Amino acid sequence: MKNLIFIFSFVISFQLTTIFAQDKTETVNTLVNTLKQKVLLNDDQTSSIQRVLNELITKSKSADNKDDLVKDAQNKVESYLDKRQKLKYDIIKNDWWKQVQAIL
């Protein structure tokens, strides 16, 4: 009986972890799509920024100070933008990064 309860609780925790991970993935996709529409990113830029955000989420799980990680991610994201995109990005970046930090 104890084993059954242990297995059941393990399965439930695994399912919750999976659901939580899927939720973050959907949120990252939404954030990247928002940026793509506002700044007019190409496909390479979109996938690169998506990787940066996923890396940020992974690293933030074990980091005490997330501010340095966020600043590094901001620099990486900005490095993918050309001058015109950067002008549009500067208008929305504060709100966009608040949304990114909300999922960390």
N, C-alpha and C. Protein backbone atom coordinates (compact mmCIF):
# COMPACT_ATOMS: atom_id res chain seq x y z
N MET A 1 0.82 -1.19 0.00
CA MET A 1 0.00 0.00 0.00
C MET A 1 0.88 1.27 0.00
N LYS A 2 1.95 1.26 0.80
CA LYS A 2 2.85 2.40 0.85
C LYS A 2 3.51 2.64 -0.51
N ASN A 3 3.86 1.53 -1.17
CA ASN A 3 4.47 1.66 -2.49
C ASN A 3 3.49 2.25 -3.51
N LEU A 4 2.25 1.86 -3.40
CA LEU A 4 1.23 2.37 -4.30
C LEU A 4 1.05 3.88 -4.11
N ILE A 5 1.03 4.32 -2.88
CA ILE A 5 0.91 5.75 -2.59
C ILE A 5 2.14 6.50 -3.09
N PHE A 6 3.32 5.93 -2.88
CA PHE A 6 4.55 6.55 -3.36
C PHE A 6 4.54 6.68 -4.88
N ILE A 7 4.17 5.62 -5.56
CA ILE A 7 4.13 5.64 -7.03
C ILE A 7 3.11 6.66 -7.52
N PHE A 8 1.95 6.67 -6.87
CA PHE A 8 0.90 7.62 -7.26
C PHE A 8 1.38 9.06 -7.08
N SER A 9 2.01 9.36 -5.96
CA SER A 9 2.49 10.73 -5.73
C SER A 9 3.62 11.10 -6.70
N PHE A 10 4.46 10.13 -7.05
CA PHE A 10 5.52 10.37 -8.02
C PHE A 10 4.93 10.70 -9.39
N VAL A 11 3.94 9.95 -9.80
CA VAL A 11 3.30 10.17 -11.10
C VAL A 11 2.63 11.54 -11.14
N ILE A 12 1.96 11.90 -10.07
CA ILE A 12 1.28 13.20 -10.00
C ILE A 12 2.31 14.34 -10.09
N SER A 13 3.40 14.21 -9.34
CA SER A 13 4.41 15.27 -9.38
C SER A 13 5.06 15.36 -10.76
N PHE A 14 5.27 14.24 -11.40
CA PHE A 14 5.83 14.23 -12.75
C PHE A 14 4.88 14.93 -13.73
N GLN A 15 3.61 14.64 -13.62
CA GLN A 15 2.62 15.26 -14.50
C GLN A 15 2.56 16.77 -14.29
N LEU A 16 2.61 17.20 -13.04
CA LEU A 16 2.58 18.63 -12.75
C LEU A 16 3.82 19.33 -13.30
N THR A 17 4.97 18.67 -13.19
CA THR A 17 6.21 19.23 -13.73
C THR A 17 6.11 19.37 -15.25
N THR A 18 5.57 18.37 -15.89
CA THR A 18 5.40 18.39 -17.34
C THR A 18 4.45 19.51 -17.77
N ILE A 19 3.36 19.66 -17.05
CA ILE A 19 2.39 20.71 -17.36
C ILE A 19 3.03 22.08 -17.17
N PHE A 20 3.79 22.25 -16.09
CA PHE A 20 4.46 23.52 -15.82
C PHE A 20 5.46 23.84 -16.92
N ALA A 21 6.21 22.86 -17.37
CA ALA A 21 7.20 23.07 -18.43
C ALA A 21 6.51 23.44 -19.75
N GLN A 22 5.40 22.78 -20.05
CA GLN A 22 4.67 23.10 -21.27
C GLN A 22 4.12 24.52 -21.21
N ASP A 23 3.67 24.93 -20.02
CA ASP A 23 3.14 26.27 -19.85
C ASP A 23 4.23 27.32 -20.11
N LYS A 24 5.43 27.08 -19.62
CA LYS A 24 6.54 28.02 -19.86
C LYS A 24 6.91 28.05 -21.33
N THR A 25 6.88 26.89 -21.98
CA THR A 25 7.20 26.84 -23.41
C THR A 25 6.18 27.65 -24.20
N GLU A 26 4.92 27.52 -23.86
CA GLU A 26 3.89 28.29 -24.55
C GLU A 26 4.06 29.78 -24.29
N THR A 27 4.43 30.13 -23.07
CA THR A 27 4.63 31.53 -22.72
C THR A 27 5.82 32.10 -23.50
N VAL A 28 6.90 31.34 -23.60
CA VAL A 28 8.07 31.78 -24.38
C VAL A 28 7.67 31.97 -25.83
N ASN A 29 6.93 31.04 -26.37
CA ASN A 29 6.48 31.16 -27.76
C ASN A 29 5.63 32.41 -27.96
N THR A 30 4.76 32.69 -27.01
CA THR A 30 3.92 33.88 -27.09
C THR A 30 4.75 35.16 -27.04
N LEU A 31 5.72 35.18 -26.11
CA LEU A 31 6.59 36.35 -26.00
C LEU A 31 7.40 36.58 -27.27
N VAL A 32 7.95 35.51 -27.81
CA VAL A 32 8.75 35.64 -29.03
C VAL A 32 7.87 36.05 -30.21
N ASN A 33 6.67 35.51 -30.29
CA ASN A 33 5.78 35.90 -31.38
C ASN A 33 5.36 37.37 -31.27
N THR A 34 5.16 37.84 -30.05
CA THR A 34 4.85 39.25 -29.85
C THR A 34 5.99 40.12 -30.35
N LEU A 35 7.20 39.74 -29.96
CA LEU A 35 8.37 40.50 -30.41
C LEU A 35 8.52 40.41 -31.93
N LYS A 36 8.26 39.25 -32.48
CA LYS A 36 8.36 39.05 -33.93
C LYS A 36 7.40 39.98 -34.67
N GLN A 37 6.19 40.11 -34.17
CA GLN A 37 5.20 40.96 -34.83
C GLN A 37 5.52 42.44 -34.67
N LYS A 38 5.99 42.83 -33.49
CA LYS A 38 6.25 44.25 -33.23
C LYS A 38 7.53 44.75 -33.91
N VAL A 39 8.54 43.88 -33.95
CA VAL A 39 9.85 44.30 -34.43
C VAL A 39 10.13 43.78 -35.85
N LEU A 40 9.29 42.88 -36.32
CA LEU A 40 9.44 42.26 -37.64
C LEU A 40 10.72 41.43 -37.74
N LEU A 41 10.78 40.40 -36.90
CA LEU A 41 11.93 39.49 -36.90
C LEU A 41 11.82 38.51 -38.05
N ASN A 42 12.98 38.08 -38.56
CA ASN A 42 12.97 37.00 -39.53
C ASN A 42 13.03 35.65 -38.77
N ASP A 43 12.97 34.57 -39.49
CA ASP A 43 12.90 33.25 -38.84
C ASP A 43 14.16 32.92 -38.04
N ASP A 44 15.33 33.29 -38.56
CA ASP A 44 16.58 33.03 -37.84
C ASP A 44 16.62 33.82 -36.54
N GLN A 45 16.22 35.07 -36.58
CA GLN A 45 16.19 35.89 -35.37
C GLN A 45 15.21 35.32 -34.36
N THR A 46 14.06 34.89 -34.85
CA THR A 46 13.03 34.34 -33.97
C THR A 46 13.54 33.11 -33.24
N SER A 47 14.15 32.20 -33.96
CA SER A 47 14.65 30.98 -33.31
C SER A 47 15.81 31.29 -32.37
N SER A 48 16.65 32.24 -32.72
CA SER A 48 17.77 32.61 -31.85
C SER A 48 17.26 33.23 -30.54
N ILE A 49 16.29 34.11 -30.64
CA ILE A 49 15.74 34.74 -29.45
C ILE A 49 15.00 33.73 -28.59
N GLN A 50 14.34 32.80 -29.23
CA GLN A 50 13.66 31.73 -28.48
C GLN A 50 14.68 30.90 -27.70
N ARG A 51 15.80 30.59 -28.31
CA ARG A 51 16.86 29.85 -27.61
C ARG A 51 17.39 30.65 -26.42
N VAL A 52 17.57 31.95 -26.61
CA VAL A 52 18.07 32.80 -25.53
C VAL A 52 17.10 32.77 -24.35
N LEU A 53 15.81 32.87 -24.62
CA LEU A 53 14.83 32.85 -23.53
C LEU A 53 14.77 31.50 -22.84
N ASN A 54 14.83 30.44 -23.62
CA ASN A 54 14.83 29.11 -23.00
C ASN A 54 16.07 28.90 -22.14
N GLU A 55 17.20 29.38 -22.62
CA GLU A 55 18.44 29.30 -21.85
C GLU A 55 18.32 30.13 -20.56
N LEU A 56 17.72 31.29 -20.65
CA LEU A 56 17.52 32.15 -19.49
C LEU A 56 16.65 31.45 -18.45
N ILE A 57 15.60 30.82 -18.88
CA ILE A 57 14.72 30.11 -17.94
C ILE A 57 15.46 28.96 -17.27
N THR A 58 16.22 28.22 -18.04
CA THR A 58 16.98 27.10 -17.49
C THR A 58 18.00 27.57 -16.46
N LYS A 59 18.75 28.61 -16.82
CA LYS A 59 19.78 29.12 -15.90
C LYS A 59 19.17 29.78 -14.67
N SER A 60 18.02 30.39 -14.81
CA SER A 60 17.42 31.12 -13.69
C SER A 60 16.92 30.20 -12.59
N LYS A 61 16.71 28.94 -12.91
CA LYS A 61 16.25 27.98 -11.90
C LYS A 61 17.27 27.80 -10.79
N SER A 62 18.54 27.88 -11.15
CA SER A 62 19.60 27.62 -10.16
C SER A 62 20.36 28.89 -9.76
N ALA A 63 19.96 30.03 -10.27
CA ALA A 63 20.70 31.26 -9.99
C ALA A 63 20.08 32.03 -8.83
N ASP A 64 20.96 32.60 -8.01
CA ASP A 64 20.50 33.44 -6.92
C ASP A 64 20.18 34.84 -7.42
N ASN A 65 21.05 35.37 -8.26
CA ASN A 65 20.87 36.71 -8.79
C ASN A 65 20.46 36.61 -10.26
N LYS A 66 19.20 36.83 -10.53
CA LYS A 66 18.69 36.71 -11.89
C LYS A 66 18.92 37.96 -12.72
N ASP A 67 19.24 39.06 -12.07
CA ASP A 67 19.43 40.32 -12.79
C ASP A 67 20.56 40.23 -13.81
N ASP A 68 21.67 39.60 -13.41
CA ASP A 68 22.79 39.46 -14.34
C ASP A 68 22.42 38.57 -15.53
N LEU A 69 21.66 37.53 -15.25
CA LEU A 69 21.22 36.64 -16.33
C LEU A 69 20.31 37.38 -17.31
N VAL A 70 19.41 38.19 -16.76
CA VAL A 70 18.48 38.95 -17.61
C VAL A 70 19.24 39.97 -18.45
N LYS A 71 20.20 40.65 -17.86
CA LYS A 71 20.99 41.63 -18.61
C LYS A 71 21.77 40.96 -19.74
N ASP A 72 22.32 39.79 -19.44
CA ASP A 72 23.04 39.04 -20.47
C ASP A 72 22.10 38.64 -21.60
N ALA A 73 20.91 38.18 -21.24
CA ALA A 73 19.91 37.80 -22.25
C ALA A 73 19.48 39.01 -23.07
N GLN A 74 19.32 40.16 -22.41
CA GLN A 74 18.96 41.38 -23.13
C GLN A 74 20.02 41.74 -24.17
N ASN A 75 21.27 41.64 -23.76
CA ASN A 75 22.37 41.93 -24.69
C ASN A 75 22.35 40.98 -25.88
N LYS A 76 22.10 39.70 -25.61
CA LYS A 76 22.05 38.72 -26.70
C LYS A 76 20.90 39.02 -27.65
N VAL A 77 19.72 39.31 -27.08
CA VAL A 77 18.56 39.61 -27.92
C VAL A 77 18.84 40.83 -28.78
N GLU A 78 19.38 41.87 -28.17
CA GLU A 78 19.67 43.10 -28.91
C GLU A 78 20.72 42.89 -29.99
N SER A 79 21.61 41.95 -29.78
CA SER A 79 22.65 41.70 -30.79
C SER A 79 22.08 41.08 -32.07
N TYR A 80 20.90 40.49 -31.99
CA TYR A 80 20.28 39.89 -33.18
C TYR A 80 19.50 40.91 -34.01
N LEU A 81 19.31 42.11 -33.49
CA LEU A 81 18.48 43.10 -34.17
C LEU A 81 19.30 44.05 -35.02
N ASP A 82 18.72 44.45 -36.16
CA ASP A 82 19.36 45.48 -36.96
C ASP A 82 18.91 46.86 -36.45
N LYS A 83 19.37 47.92 -37.07
CA LYS A 83 19.12 49.28 -36.57
C LYS A 83 17.63 49.62 -36.53
N ARG A 84 16.91 49.30 -37.59
CA ARG A 84 15.47 49.60 -37.63
C ARG A 84 14.71 48.80 -36.59
N GLN A 85 15.06 47.54 -36.47
CA GLN A 85 14.40 46.70 -35.47
C GLN A 85 14.69 47.20 -34.07
N LYS A 86 15.90 47.65 -33.85
CA LYS A 86 16.30 48.14 -32.54
C LYS A 86 15.49 49.37 -32.14
N LEU A 87 15.20 50.24 -33.11
CA LEU A 87 14.37 51.41 -32.82
C LEU A 87 12.98 51.00 -32.34
N LYS A 88 12.39 50.02 -32.99
CA LYS A 88 11.07 49.51 -32.59
C LYS A 88 11.16 48.78 -31.25
N TYR A 89 12.22 48.02 -31.09
CA TYR A 89 12.44 47.26 -29.86
C TYR A 89 12.57 48.19 -28.65
N ASP A 90 13.27 49.30 -28.82
CA ASP A 90 13.46 50.25 -27.72
C ASP A 90 12.14 50.77 -27.16
N ILE A 91 11.13 50.84 -28.01
CA ILE A 91 9.82 51.32 -27.58
C ILE A 91 9.12 50.31 -26.67
N ILE A 92 9.27 49.03 -26.96
CA ILE A 92 8.51 48.01 -26.23
C ILE A 92 9.35 47.21 -25.24
N LYS A 93 10.65 47.42 -25.21
CA LYS A 93 11.52 46.51 -24.47
C LYS A 93 11.23 46.46 -22.97
N ASN A 94 10.90 47.58 -22.33
CA ASN A 94 10.65 47.54 -20.89
C ASN A 94 9.45 46.66 -20.55
N ASP A 95 8.35 46.84 -21.28
CA ASP A 95 7.17 46.01 -21.03
C ASP A 95 7.42 44.55 -21.38
N TRP A 96 8.14 44.33 -22.48
CA TRP A 96 8.41 42.96 -22.93
C TRP A 96 9.29 42.22 -21.91
N TRP A 97 10.31 42.89 -21.40
CA TRP A 97 11.19 42.24 -20.42
C TRP A 97 10.51 42.05 -19.08
N LYS A 98 9.54 42.89 -18.74
CA LYS A 98 8.74 42.65 -17.52
C LYS A 98 7.98 41.34 -17.66
N GLN A 99 7.45 41.09 -18.84
CA GLN A 99 6.73 39.84 -19.09
C GLN A 99 7.69 38.65 -19.04
N VAL A 100 8.89 38.82 -19.56
CA VAL A 100 9.88 37.75 -19.51
C VAL A 100 10.25 37.44 -18.06
N GLN A 101 10.49 38.48 -17.27
CA GLN A 101 10.87 38.29 -15.87
C GLN A 101 9.75 37.66 -15.05
N ALA A 102 8.52 37.85 -15.47
CA ALA A 102 7.38 37.27 -14.75
C ALA A 102 7.37 35.75 -14.83
N ILE A 103 7.99 35.18 -15.86
CA ILE A 103 7.99 33.71 -15.99
C ILE A 103 9.23 33.06 -15.36
N LEU A 104 10.14 33.86 -14.86
CA LEU A 104 11.36 33.30 -14.26
C LEU A 104 11.10 32.79 -12.87
